[in-house]
Protein backbone atom coordinates (compact mmCIF):
# COMPACT_ATOMS: atom_id res chain seq x y z
CA UNK A 1 6.44 -6.65 -18.52
CA UNK A 2 3.21 -8.49 -19.07
CA UNK A 3 0.83 -9.59 -16.40
CA UNK A 4 0.96 -13.21 -15.22
CA UNK A 5 -2.56 -13.70 -16.56
CA UNK A 6 -1.33 -12.88 -20.11
CA UNK A 7 -3.33 -9.68 -20.43
CA UNK A 8 -6.69 -11.12 -19.38
CA UNK A 9 -6.91 -8.90 -16.29
CA UNK A 10 -10.33 -7.62 -15.33
CA UNK A 11 -11.30 -4.75 -13.02
CA UNK A 12 -10.87 -6.06 -9.50
CA UNK A 13 -7.78 -8.05 -10.47
CA UNK A 14 -9.46 -11.34 -11.31
CA UNK A 15 -10.23 -13.37 -14.39
CA UNK A 16 -12.32 -16.49 -14.56
CA UNK A 17 -10.65 -19.80 -13.85
CA UNK A 18 -11.48 -20.92 -17.38
CA UNK A 19 -9.80 -17.84 -18.94
CA UNK A 20 -6.71 -18.39 -16.78
CA UNK A 21 -6.59 -22.09 -17.67
CA UNK A 22 -6.74 -21.27 -21.38
CA UNK A 23 -4.05 -18.59 -21.03
CA UNK A 24 -1.59 -20.96 -19.33
CA UNK A 25 -2.57 -24.14 -21.22
CA UNK A 26 -3.74 -26.16 -18.21
CA UNK A 27 -7.05 -27.80 -17.46
CA UNK A 28 -9.48 -25.74 -15.37
CA UNK A 29 -9.22 -28.30 -12.53
CA UNK A 30 -5.39 -28.11 -12.45
CA UNK A 31 -5.52 -24.32 -12.64
CA UNK A 32 -7.98 -24.10 -9.75
CA UNK A 33 -5.86 -26.45 -7.60
CA UNK A 34 -2.71 -24.40 -8.28
CA UNK A 35 -4.54 -21.15 -7.66
CA UNK A 36 -5.92 -22.36 -4.31
CA UNK A 37 -2.47 -23.65 -3.35
CA UNK A 38 -0.95 -20.21 -4.04
CA UNK A 39 -3.62 -18.68 -1.80
CA UNK A 40 -2.94 -21.23 0.96
CA UNK A 41 0.81 -20.57 0.77
CA UNK A 42 0.19 -16.84 1.08
CA UNK A 43 1.73 -16.09 -2.33
CA UNK A 44 -1.63 -14.56 -3.27
CA UNK A 45 -2.33 -12.22 -0.37
CA UNK A 46 -5.81 -11.15 -1.40
CA UNK A 47 -7.93 -9.27 -3.88
CA UNK A 48 -8.94 -5.65 -3.82
CA UNK A 49 -10.48 -2.95 -5.94
CA UNK A 50 -8.55 0.30 -6.30
CA UNK A 51 -10.76 3.29 -5.62
CA UNK A 52 -10.12 6.68 -7.20
CA UNK A 53 -9.24 8.79 -4.14
CA UNK A 54 -9.56 12.03 -6.14
CA UNK A 55 -13.14 11.23 -7.16
CA UNK A 56 -13.93 10.43 -3.53
CA UNK A 57 -12.71 13.83 -2.37
CA UNK A 58 -9.13 13.06 -1.36
CA UNK A 59 -7.13 15.56 -3.40
CA UNK A 60 -3.78 15.35 -1.61
CA UNK A 61 -1.24 12.54 -1.55
CA UNK A 62 1.87 13.11 0.55
CA UNK A 63 4.95 11.16 1.48
CA UNK A 64 5.91 11.73 5.09
CA UNK A 65 9.33 11.04 6.56
CA UNK A 66 9.05 10.26 10.27
CA UNK A 67 11.96 10.51 12.69
CA UNK A 68 11.65 8.88 16.10
CA UNK A 69 13.23 10.08 19.32
CA UNK A 70 16.58 8.60 20.18
CA UNK A 71 16.11 5.27 21.96
CA UNK A 72 12.59 5.01 20.58
CA UNK A 73 12.47 1.23 21.01
CA UNK A 74 10.05 1.56 23.92
CA UNK A 75 7.60 3.44 21.69
CA UNK A 76 7.69 1.15 18.65
CA UNK A 77 4.68 -0.93 19.65
CA UNK A 78 2.62 2.21 20.29
CA UNK A 79 3.72 3.74 17.00
CA UNK A 80 2.93 0.60 15.02
CA UNK A 81 -0.45 0.26 16.73
CA UNK A 82 -1.48 3.85 16.03
CA UNK A 83 -0.21 3.79 12.43
CA UNK A 84 -2.16 0.60 11.76
CA UNK A 85 -5.40 2.29 12.84
CA UNK A 86 -5.04 5.59 10.98
CA UNK A 87 -7.04 5.43 7.74
CA UNK A 88 -5.12 8.38 6.24
CA UNK A 89 -1.95 6.29 6.20
CA UNK A 90 -2.07 4.03 3.16
CA UNK A 91 1.45 2.63 3.44
CA UNK A 92 4.17 2.64 6.09
CA UNK A 93 7.72 1.38 5.75
CA UNK A 94 10.59 1.19 8.24
CA UNK A 95 13.59 2.48 6.30
CA UNK A 96 17.33 2.92 6.58
CA UNK A 97 19.12 6.27 6.66
CA UNK A 98 18.44 9.48 8.53
CA UNK A 99 14.73 8.79 8.97
CA UNK A 100 12.96 5.88 10.62
CA UNK A 101 9.69 5.52 8.68
CA UNK A 102 8.26 6.56 5.32
CA UNK A 103 4.49 6.98 5.08
CA UNK A 104 2.14 7.45 2.16
CA UNK A 105 -0.77 9.56 3.35
CA UNK A 106 -3.94 10.85 1.70
CA UNK A 107 -5.99 13.85 2.77
CA UNK A 108 -8.94 15.79 1.42
CA UNK A 109 -6.91 18.99 1.05
CA UNK A 110 -3.76 20.75 2.34
CA UNK A 111 -5.56 21.93 5.49
CA UNK A 112 -6.56 18.32 6.21
CA UNK A 113 -2.96 17.19 5.70
CA UNK A 114 -1.71 19.93 8.02
CA UNK A 115 -4.22 18.93 10.71
CA UNK A 116 -3.25 15.27 10.35
CA UNK A 117 0.46 16.10 10.73
CA UNK A 118 0.09 18.49 13.67
CA UNK A 119 -2.85 17.02 15.56
CA UNK A 120 -2.31 13.30 14.96
CA UNK A 121 1.09 12.22 13.66
CA UNK A 122 3.23 14.58 15.74
CA UNK A 123 1.34 13.53 18.89
CA UNK A 124 2.22 9.84 18.59
CA UNK A 125 4.59 8.93 21.44
CA UNK A 126 8.20 8.78 20.27
CA UNK A 127 7.78 10.88 17.11
CA UNK A 128 10.34 13.68 17.15
CA UNK A 129 9.93 15.07 13.65
CA UNK A 130 8.22 14.81 10.31
CA UNK A 131 9.00 16.08 6.82
CA UNK A 132 6.37 16.01 4.13
CA UNK A 133 6.49 16.04 0.35
CA UNK A 134 3.22 16.63 -1.45
CA UNK A 135 2.73 14.59 -4.61
CA UNK A 136 2.17 16.73 -7.70
CA UNK A 137 1.27 13.92 -10.10
CA UNK A 138 1.05 10.14 -10.06
CA UNK A 139 3.11 8.71 -12.90
CA UNK A 140 2.85 5.02 -12.04
CA UNK A 141 1.01 3.03 -9.42
CA UNK A 142 0.97 -0.76 -9.61
CA UNK A 143 1.02 -3.58 -7.13
CA UNK A 144 2.16 -6.27 -9.57
CA UNK A 145 5.36 -8.15 -8.72
CA UNK A 146 7.84 -8.21 -11.65
CA UNK A 147 7.89 -11.98 -12.16
CA UNK A 148 9.46 -11.67 -15.61
CA UNK A 149 12.49 -9.42 -15.74
């Protein structure tokens, strides 16, 4: 799959309006209008730079399965609030099956991950259990939506 910008991507995820206009054969003014409209509609959620966690001292990535106590509905707002504030949690999904949530967590090392699990995550009201899987290697990590399939 190729990127929507026809391979003109730059670090930071942006190309100039002129480069995009040339790539899609529109005038710069039309391209800018369409781009702003996509932002207004929320199709483009934002722009970000991806930092290298390893180079910044975060050597552990883990996927954590969280199980909530039975009848945990009363604790959902607390759980969501706490999860939203914890910087170690990069992603959180409510999922189907035997678990309730799947988290992607980063830590400086295994000791830091252990402390996060025991001292933070397991103390959130309503959490009854966690299972962790430590990532051995990252094979693919993209945020692009497969517009052409």
